[in-house]
Amino acid sequence: ADRVTVLRDGVLISTYDKKDAELKPDILSRDMVG
C-alpha cells in the first residue's frame, strides 16, 4: 500500500498514508474491528 482506507459497518474509520506513518497491522486490525 501507498495509502490504506479502513471501512467498518459501511462507515469510513481512517485513512493512513505510508509517507506520514508506518502501516502497522495491529493498528489496521484495531480500526477494522473497533
All heavy atoms as atom14 arrays in JSON, in Angstrom:
{
  "sequence": "ADRVTVLRDGVLISTYDKKDAELKPDILSRDMVG",
  "atom14_mask": [
    [1, 1, 1, 1, 1, 0, 0, 0, 0, 0, 0, 0, 0, 0],
    [1, 1, 1, 1, 1, 1, 1, 1, 0, 0, 0, 0, 0, 0],
    [1, 1, 1, 1, 1, 1, 1, 1, 1, 1, 1, 0, 0, 0],
    [1, 1, 1, 1, 1, 1, 1, 0, 0, 0, 0, 0, 0, 0],
    [1, 1, 1, 1, 1, 1, 1, 0, 0, 0, 0, 0, 0, 0],
    [1, 1, 1, 1, 1, 1, 1, 0, 0, 0, 0, 0, 0, 0],
    [1, 1, 1, 1, 1, 1, 1, 1, 0, 0, 0, 0, 0, 0],
    [1, 1, 1, 1, 1, 1, 1, 1, 1, 1, 1, 0, 0, 0],
    [1, 1, 1, 1, 1, 1, 1, 1, 0, 0, 0, 0, 0, 0],
    [1, 1, 1, 1, 0, 0, 0, 0, 0, 0, 0, 0, 0, 0],
    [1, 1, 1, 1, 1, 1, 1, 0, 0, 0, 0, 0, 0, 0],
    [1, 1, 1, 1, 1, 1, 1, 1, 0, 0, 0, 0, 0, 0],
    [1, 1, 1, 1, 1, 1, 1, 1, 0, 0, 0, 0, 0, 0],
    [1, 1, 1, 1, 1, 1, 0, 0, 0, 0, 0, 0, 0, 0],
    [1, 1, 1, 1, 1, 1, 1, 0, 0, 0, 0, 0, 0, 0],
    [1, 1, 1, 1, 1, 1, 1, 1, 1, 1, 1, 1, 0, 0],
    [1, 1, 1, 1, 1, 1, 1, 1, 0, 0, 0, 0, 0, 0],
    [1, 1, 1, 1, 1, 1, 1, 1, 1, 0, 0, 0, 0, 0],
    [1, 1, 1, 1, 1, 1, 1, 1, 1, 0, 0, 0, 0, 0],
    [1, 1, 1, 1, 1, 1, 1, 1, 0, 0, 0, 0, 0, 0],
    [1, 1, 1, 1, 1, 0, 0, 0, 0, 0, 0, 0, 0, 0],
    [1, 1, 1, 1, 1, 1, 1, 1, 1, 0, 0, 0, 0, 0],
    [1, 1, 1, 1, 1, 1, 1, 1, 0, 0, 0, 0, 0, 0],
    [1, 1, 1, 1, 1, 1, 1, 1, 1, 0, 0, 0, 0, 0],
    [1, 1, 1, 1, 1, 1, 1, 0, 0, 0, 0, 0, 0, 0],
    [1, 1, 1, 1, 1, 1, 1, 1, 0, 0, 0, 0, 0, 0],
    [1, 1, 1, 1, 1, 1, 1, 1, 0, 0, 0, 0, 0, 0],
    [1, 1, 1, 1, 1, 1, 1, 1, 0, 0, 0, 0, 0, 0],
    [1, 1, 1, 1, 1, 1, 0, 0, 0, 0, 0, 0, 0, 0],
    [1, 1, 1, 1, 1, 1, 1, 1, 1, 1, 1, 0, 0, 0],
    [1, 1, 1, 1, 1, 1, 1, 1, 0, 0, 0, 0, 0, 0],
    [1, 1, 1, 1, 1, 1, 1, 1, 0, 0, 0, 0, 0, 0],
    [1, 1, 1, 1, 1, 1, 1, 0, 0, 0, 0, 0, 0, 0],
    [1, 1, 1, 1, 0, 0, 0, 0, 0, 0, 0, 0, 0, 0]
  ],
  "atom14_positions": [
    [[0.79, -1.23, 0.0], [0.0, 0.0, 0.0], [0.83, 1.28, 0.0], [1.88, 1.36, 0.64], [-0.93, 0.01, 1.21], [0.0, 0.0, 0.0], [0.0, 0.0, 0.0], [0.0, 0.0, 0.0], [0.0, 0.0, 0.0], [0.0, 0.0, 0.0], [0.0, 0.0, 0.0], [0.0, 0.0, 0.0], [0.0, 0.0, 0.0], [0.0, 0.0, 0.0]],
    [[0.32, 2.29, -0.71], [0.76, 3.67, -0.53], [-0.15, 4.36, 0.49], [0.3, 5.15, 1.29], [0.71, 4.43, -1.86], [1.69, 3.88, -2.87], [2.88, 3.76, -2.53], [1.28, 3.54, -4.0], [0.0, 0.0, 0.0], [0.0, 0.0, 0.0], [0.0, 0.0, 0.0], [0.0, 0.0, 0.0], [0.0, 0.0, 0.0], [0.0, 0.0, 0.0]],
    [[-1.44, 4.04, 0.39], [-2.41, 4.5, 1.38], [-3.37, 3.37, 1.7], [-3.58, 2.48, 0.88], [-3.2, 5.72, 0.87], [-2.42, 7.02, 0.92], [-3.34, 8.21, 0.73], [-3.97, 8.21, -0.58], [-5.07, 8.89, -0.87], [-5.69, 9.6, 0.07], [-5.57, 8.88, -2.09], [0.0, 0.0, 0.0], [0.0, 0.0, 0.0], [0.0, 0.0, 0.0]],
    [[-3.97, 3.44, 2.9], [-4.95, 2.44, 3.32], [-6.17, 3.16, 3.89], [-6.03, 4.04, 4.73], [-4.38, 1.49, 4.4], [-5.45, 0.5, 4.86], [-3.17, 0.73, 3.87], [0.0, 0.0, 0.0], [0.0, 0.0, 0.0], [0.0, 0.0, 0.0], [0.0, 0.0, 0.0], [0.0, 0.0, 0.0], [0.0, 0.0, 0.0], [0.0, 0.0, 0.0]],
    [[-7.35, 2.75, 3.42], [-8.6, 3.25, 3.99], [-9.32, 2.1, 4.66], [-9.45, 1.02, 4.08], [-9.5, 3.88, 2.9], [-8.94, 5.14, 2.5], [-10.91, 4.11, 3.41], [0.0, 0.0, 0.0], [0.0, 0.0, 0.0], [0.0, 0.0, 0.0], [0.0, 0.0, 0.0], [0.0, 0.0, 0.0], [0.0, 0.0, 0.0], [0.0, 0.0, 0.0]],
    [[-9.77, 2.34, 5.89], [-10.45, 1.31, 6.68], [-11.94, 1.6, 6.74], [-12.36, 2.71, 7.09], [-9.88, 1.25, 8.12], [-10.56, 0.13, 8.91], [-8.37, 1.06, 8.1], [0.0, 0.0, 0.0], [0.0, 0.0, 0.0], [0.0, 0.0, 0.0], [0.0, 0.0, 0.0], [0.0, 0.0, 0.0], [0.0, 0.0, 0.0], [0.0, 0.0, 0.0]],
    [[-12.74, 0.6, 6.38], [-14.2, 0.65, 6.47], [-14.67, -0.23, 7.62], [-14.13, -1.32, 7.82], [-14.82, 0.12, 5.18], [-15.33, 1.09, 4.12], [-15.65, 0.33, 2.86], [-16.54, 1.85, 4.61], [0.0, 0.0, 0.0], [0.0, 0.0, 0.0], [0.0, 0.0, 0.0], [0.0, 0.0, 0.0], [0.0, 0.0, 0.0], [0.0, 0.0, 0.0]],
    [[-15.67, 0.25, 8.37], [-16.3, -0.59, 9.38], [-17.8, -0.3, 9.4], [-18.21, 0.86, 9.57], [-15.7, -0.35, 10.77], [-16.23, -1.33, 11.8], [-15.44, -1.28, 13.11], [-15.74, -0.11, 13.91], [-14.84, 0.76, 14.36], [-13.56, 0.59, 14.06], [-15.2, 1.79, 15.09], [0.0, 0.0, 0.0], [0.0, 0.0, 0.0], [0.0, 0.0, 0.0]],
    [[-18.59, -1.33, 9.15], [-20.05, -1.19, 9.12], [-20.5, -0.09, 8.15], [-21.42, 0.69, 8.45], [-20.6, -0.91, 10.52], [-20.33, -2.06, 11.49], [-20.32, -3.22, 11.02], [-20.11, -1.8, 12.68], [0.0, 0.0, 0.0], [0.0, 0.0, 0.0], [0.0, 0.0, 0.0], [0.0, 0.0, 0.0], [0.0, 0.0, 0.0], [0.0, 0.0, 0.0]],
    [[-19.83, -0.01, 7.0], [-20.23, 0.95, 5.97], [-19.78, 2.37, 6.22], [-20.16, 3.28, 5.48], [0.0, 0.0, 0.0], [0.0, 0.0, 0.0], [0.0, 0.0, 0.0], [0.0, 0.0, 0.0], [0.0, 0.0, 0.0], [0.0, 0.0, 0.0], [0.0, 0.0, 0.0], [0.0, 0.0, 0.0], [0.0, 0.0, 0.0], [0.0, 0.0, 0.0]],
    [[-18.95, 2.58, 7.24], [-18.51, 3.93, 7.62], [-16.99, 4.03, 7.49], [-16.27, 3.11, 7.87], [-18.95, 4.26, 9.07], [-18.42, 5.63, 9.49], [-20.47, 4.2, 9.19], [0.0, 0.0, 0.0], [0.0, 0.0, 0.0], [0.0, 0.0, 0.0], [0.0, 0.0, 0.0], [0.0, 0.0, 0.0], [0.0, 0.0, 0.0], [0.0, 0.0, 0.0]],
    [[-16.52, 5.16, 6.96], [-15.09, 5.42, 6.89], [-14.53, 5.63, 8.3], [-14.97, 6.51, 9.03], [-14.83, 6.68, 6.04], [-13.4, 7.22, 6.02], [-12.46, 6.22, 5.37], [-13.34, 8.55, 5.29], [0.0, 0.0, 0.0], [0.0, 0.0, 0.0], [0.0, 0.0, 0.0], [0.0, 0.0, 0.0], [0.0, 0.0, 0.0], [0.0, 0.0, 0.0]],
    [[-13.56, 4.78, 8.68], [-12.96, 4.88, 10.01], [-11.66, 5.67, 9.98], [-11.42, 6.55, 10.81], [-12.71, 3.48, 10.59], [-14.02, 2.7, 10.72], [-11.99, 3.56, 11.94], [-15.06, 3.36, 11.62], [0.0, 0.0, 0.0], [0.0, 0.0, 0.0], [0.0, 0.0, 0.0], [0.0, 0.0, 0.0], [0.0, 0.0, 0.0], [0.0, 0.0, 0.0]],
    [[-10.8, 5.39, 9.0], [-9.5, 6.05, 8.95], [-8.86, 5.87, 7.59], [-9.18, 4.93, 6.86], [-8.56, 5.49, 10.03], [-8.48, 4.07, 9.93], [0.0, 0.0, 0.0], [0.0, 0.0, 0.0], [0.0, 0.0, 0.0], [0.0, 0.0, 0.0], [0.0, 0.0, 0.0], [0.0, 0.0, 0.0], [0.0, 0.0, 0.0], [0.0, 0.0, 0.0]],
    [[-7.94, 6.76, 7.26], [-7.1, 6.62, 6.08], [-5.67, 6.91, 6.5], [-5.39, 7.93, 7.14], [-7.52, 7.57, 4.95], [-8.84, 7.23, 4.52], [-6.58, 7.46, 3.76], [0.0, 0.0, 0.0], [0.0, 0.0, 0.0], [0.0, 0.0, 0.0], [0.0, 0.0, 0.0], [0.0, 0.0, 0.0], [0.0, 0.0, 0.0], [0.0, 0.0, 0.0]],
    [[-4.75, 6.0, 6.18], [-3.34, 6.14, 6.54], [-2.5, 6.27, 5.27], [-2.73, 5.57, 4.29], [-2.86, 4.93, 7.35], [-3.52, 4.8, 8.69], [-4.59, 3.92, 8.87], [-3.08, 5.54, 9.79], [-5.21, 3.78, 10.1], [-3.7, 5.41, 11.04], [-4.76, 4.53, 11.18], [-5.36, 4.41, 12.41], [0.0, 0.0, 0.0], [0.0, 0.0, 0.0]],
    [[-1.53, 7.17, 5.33], [-0.61, 7.39, 4.21], [0.77, 6.87, 4.63], [1.26, 7.2, 5.7], [-0.53, 8.89, 3.88], [0.12, 9.14, 2.53], [1.18, 8.54, 2.25], [-0.42, 9.95, 1.75], [0.0, 0.0, 0.0], [0.0, 0.0, 0.0], [0.0, 0.0, 0.0], [0.0, 0.0, 0.0], [0.0, 0.0, 0.0], [0.0, 0.0, 0.0]],
    [[1.37, 6.06, 3.77], [2.67, 5.48, 4.09], [3.74, 6.55, 4.29], [4.69, 6.36, 5.03], [3.09, 4.51, 2.98], [4.11, 3.48, 3.41], [4.21, 2.36, 2.39], [5.0, 1.19, 2.94], [4.98, 0.03, 2.02], [0.0, 0.0, 0.0], [0.0, 0.0, 0.0], [0.0, 0.0, 0.0], [0.0, 0.0, 0.0], [0.0, 0.0, 0.0]],
    [[3.57, 7.69, 3.65], [4.55, 8.78, 3.79], [4.51, 9.38, 5.19], [5.53, 9.87, 5.69], [4.25, 9.88, 2.75], [4.47, 9.45, 1.32], [4.12, 10.59, 0.37], [4.3, 10.18, -1.09], [3.9, 11.25, -2.03], [0.0, 0.0, 0.0], [0.0, 0.0, 0.0], [0.0, 0.0, 0.0], [0.0, 0.0, 0.0], [0.0, 0.0, 0.0]],
    [[3.33, 9.36, 5.79], [3.17, 10.03, 7.09], [3.34, 9.09, 8.27], [3.74, 9.51, 9.36], [1.78, 10.67, 7.18], [1.55, 11.69, 6.08], [2.54, 12.34, 5.67], [0.41, 11.81, 5.61], [0.0, 0.0, 0.0], [0.0, 0.0, 0.0], [0.0, 0.0, 0.0], [0.0, 0.0, 0.0], [0.0, 0.0, 0.0], [0.0, 0.0, 0.0]],
    [[3.02, 7.83, 8.08], [3.09, 6.9, 9.22], [3.3, 5.48, 8.72], [2.92, 5.14, 7.61], [1.79, 6.97, 10.03], [0.0, 0.0, 0.0], [0.0, 0.0, 0.0], [0.0, 0.0, 0.0], [0.0, 0.0, 0.0], [0.0, 0.0, 0.0], [0.0, 0.0, 0.0], [0.0, 0.0, 0.0], [0.0, 0.0, 0.0], [0.0, 0.0, 0.0]],
    [[3.9, 4.68, 9.56], [4.1, 3.27, 9.22], [2.76, 2.55, 9.28], [1.97, 2.75, 10.2], [5.08, 2.64, 10.22], [5.47, 1.21, 9.86], [6.45, 0.63, 10.86], [6.91, 1.37, 11.75], [6.73, -0.57, 10.75], [0.0, 0.0, 0.0], [0.0, 0.0, 0.0], [0.0, 0.0, 0.0], [0.0, 0.0, 0.0], [0.0, 0.0, 0.0]],
    [[2.51, 1.72, 8.26], [1.24, 0.98, 8.21], [1.39, -0.3, 9.03], [1.83, -1.33, 8.52], [0.88, 0.67, 6.75], [0.72, 1.88, 5.83], [0.48, 1.44, 4.4], [-0.41, 2.77, 6.31], [0.0, 0.0, 0.0], [0.0, 0.0, 0.0], [0.0, 0.0, 0.0], [0.0, 0.0, 0.0], [0.0, 0.0, 0.0], [0.0, 0.0, 0.0]],
    [[1.03, -0.23, 10.27], [1.22, -1.37, 11.17], [-0.03, -2.23, 11.21], [-1.14, -1.73, 11.42], [1.54, -0.87, 12.58], [2.88, -0.15, 12.67], [3.18, 0.27, 14.1], [4.55, 0.95, 14.2], [4.84, 1.38, 15.58], [0.0, 0.0, 0.0], [0.0, 0.0, 0.0], [0.0, 0.0, 0.0], [0.0, 0.0, 0.0], [0.0, 0.0, 0.0]],
    [[0.14, -3.57, 11.02], [-1.02, -4.46, 11.03], [-1.86, -4.37, 12.3], [-3.09, -4.48, 12.24], [-0.39, -5.85, 10.89], [0.87, -5.6, 10.12], [1.37, -4.28, 10.63], [0.0, 0.0, 0.0], [0.0, 0.0, 0.0], [0.0, 0.0, 0.0], [0.0, 0.0, 0.0], [0.0, 0.0, 0.0], [0.0, 0.0, 0.0], [0.0, 0.0, 0.0]],
    [[-1.23, -4.15, 13.48], [-2.02, -4.11, 14.71], [-2.92, -2.88, 14.74], [-4.06, -2.93, 15.24], [-1.11, -4.15, 15.94], [-0.1, -3.02, 15.98], [0.23, -2.47, 14.91], [0.37, -2.68, 17.08], [0.0, 0.0, 0.0], [0.0, 0.0, 0.0], [0.0, 0.0, 0.0], [0.0, 0.0, 0.0], [0.0, 0.0, 0.0], [0.0, 0.0, 0.0]],
    [[-2.45, -1.75, 14.19], [-3.27, -0.53, 14.14], [-4.43, -0.72, 13.15], [-5.57, -0.36, 13.43], [-2.42, 0.69, 13.75], [-1.39, 0.98, 14.85], [-3.28, 1.92, 13.5], [-0.4, 2.07, 14.5], [0.0, 0.0, 0.0], [0.0, 0.0, 0.0], [0.0, 0.0, 0.0], [0.0, 0.0, 0.0], [0.0, 0.0, 0.0], [0.0, 0.0, 0.0]],
    [[-4.12, -1.3, 12.0], [-5.15, -1.53, 10.98], [-6.22, -2.48, 11.5], [-7.42, -2.25, 11.3], [-4.53, -2.08, 9.7], [-3.51, -1.17, 8.99], [-2.9, -1.9, 7.78], [-4.15, 0.14, 8.55], [0.0, 0.0, 0.0], [0.0, 0.0, 0.0], [0.0, 0.0, 0.0], [0.0, 0.0, 0.0], [0.0, 0.0, 0.0], [0.0, 0.0, 0.0]],
    [[-5.8, -3.55, 12.17], [-6.77, -4.53, 12.69], [-7.63, -3.91, 13.78], [-8.83, -4.17, 13.87], [-6.06, -5.78, 13.21], [-5.22, -5.47, 14.29], [0.0, 0.0, 0.0], [0.0, 0.0, 0.0], [0.0, 0.0, 0.0], [0.0, 0.0, 0.0], [0.0, 0.0, 0.0], [0.0, 0.0, 0.0], [0.0, 0.0, 0.0], [0.0, 0.0, 0.0]],
    [[-7.04, -3.05, 14.6], [-7.8, -2.35, 15.65], [-8.9, -1.49, 15.02], [-10.05, -1.48, 15.47], [-6.86, -1.48, 16.48], [-7.55, -0.66, 17.59], [-6.71, 0.54, 17.95], [-6.58, 1.45, 16.82], [-5.66, 2.41, 16.73], [-4.75, 2.55, 17.68], [-5.62, 3.22, 15.69], [0.0, 0.0, 0.0], [0.0, 0.0, 0.0], [0.0, 0.0, 0.0]],
    [[-8.55, -0.77, 13.96], [-9.53, 0.09, 13.29], [-10.63, -0.75, 12.61], [-11.79, -0.33, 12.55], [-8.85, 0.97, 12.24], [-8.05, 2.11, 12.87], [-8.03, 2.19, 14.12], [-7.45, 2.89, 12.13], [0.0, 0.0, 0.0], [0.0, 0.0, 0.0], [0.0, 0.0, 0.0], [0.0, 0.0, 0.0], [0.0, 0.0, 0.0], [0.0, 0.0, 0.0]],
    [[-10.25, -1.91, 12.09], [-11.23, -2.77, 11.41], [-12.31, -3.28, 12.34], [-13.49, -3.31, 11.99], [-10.52, -3.95, 10.74], [-9.78, -3.62, 9.47], [-8.77, -5.0, 8.89], [-10.02, -6.26, 8.59], [0.0, 0.0, 0.0], [0.0, 0.0, 0.0], [0.0, 0.0, 0.0], [0.0, 0.0, 0.0], [0.0, 0.0, 0.0], [0.0, 0.0, 0.0]],
    [[-11.91, -3.7, 13.54], [-12.86, -4.35, 14.44], [-13.28, -3.47, 15.62], [-14.17, -3.84, 16.38], [-12.31, -5.68, 14.98], [-11.97, -6.62, 13.85], [-11.09, -5.46, 15.87], [0.0, 0.0, 0.0], [0.0, 0.0, 0.0], [0.0, 0.0, 0.0], [0.0, 0.0, 0.0], [0.0, 0.0, 0.0], [0.0, 0.0, 0.0], [0.0, 0.0, 0.0]],
    [[-12.65, -2.3, 15.78], [-13.06, -1.39, 16.82], [-12.42, -1.64, 18.17], [-12.82, -1.05, 19.18], [0.0, 0.0, 0.0], [0.0, 0.0, 0.0], [0.0, 0.0, 0.0], [0.0, 0.0, 0.0], [0.0, 0.0, 0.0], [0.0, 0.0, 0.0], [0.0, 0.0, 0.0], [0.0, 0.0, 0.0], [0.0, 0.0, 0.0], [0.0, 0.0, 0.0]]
  ]
}
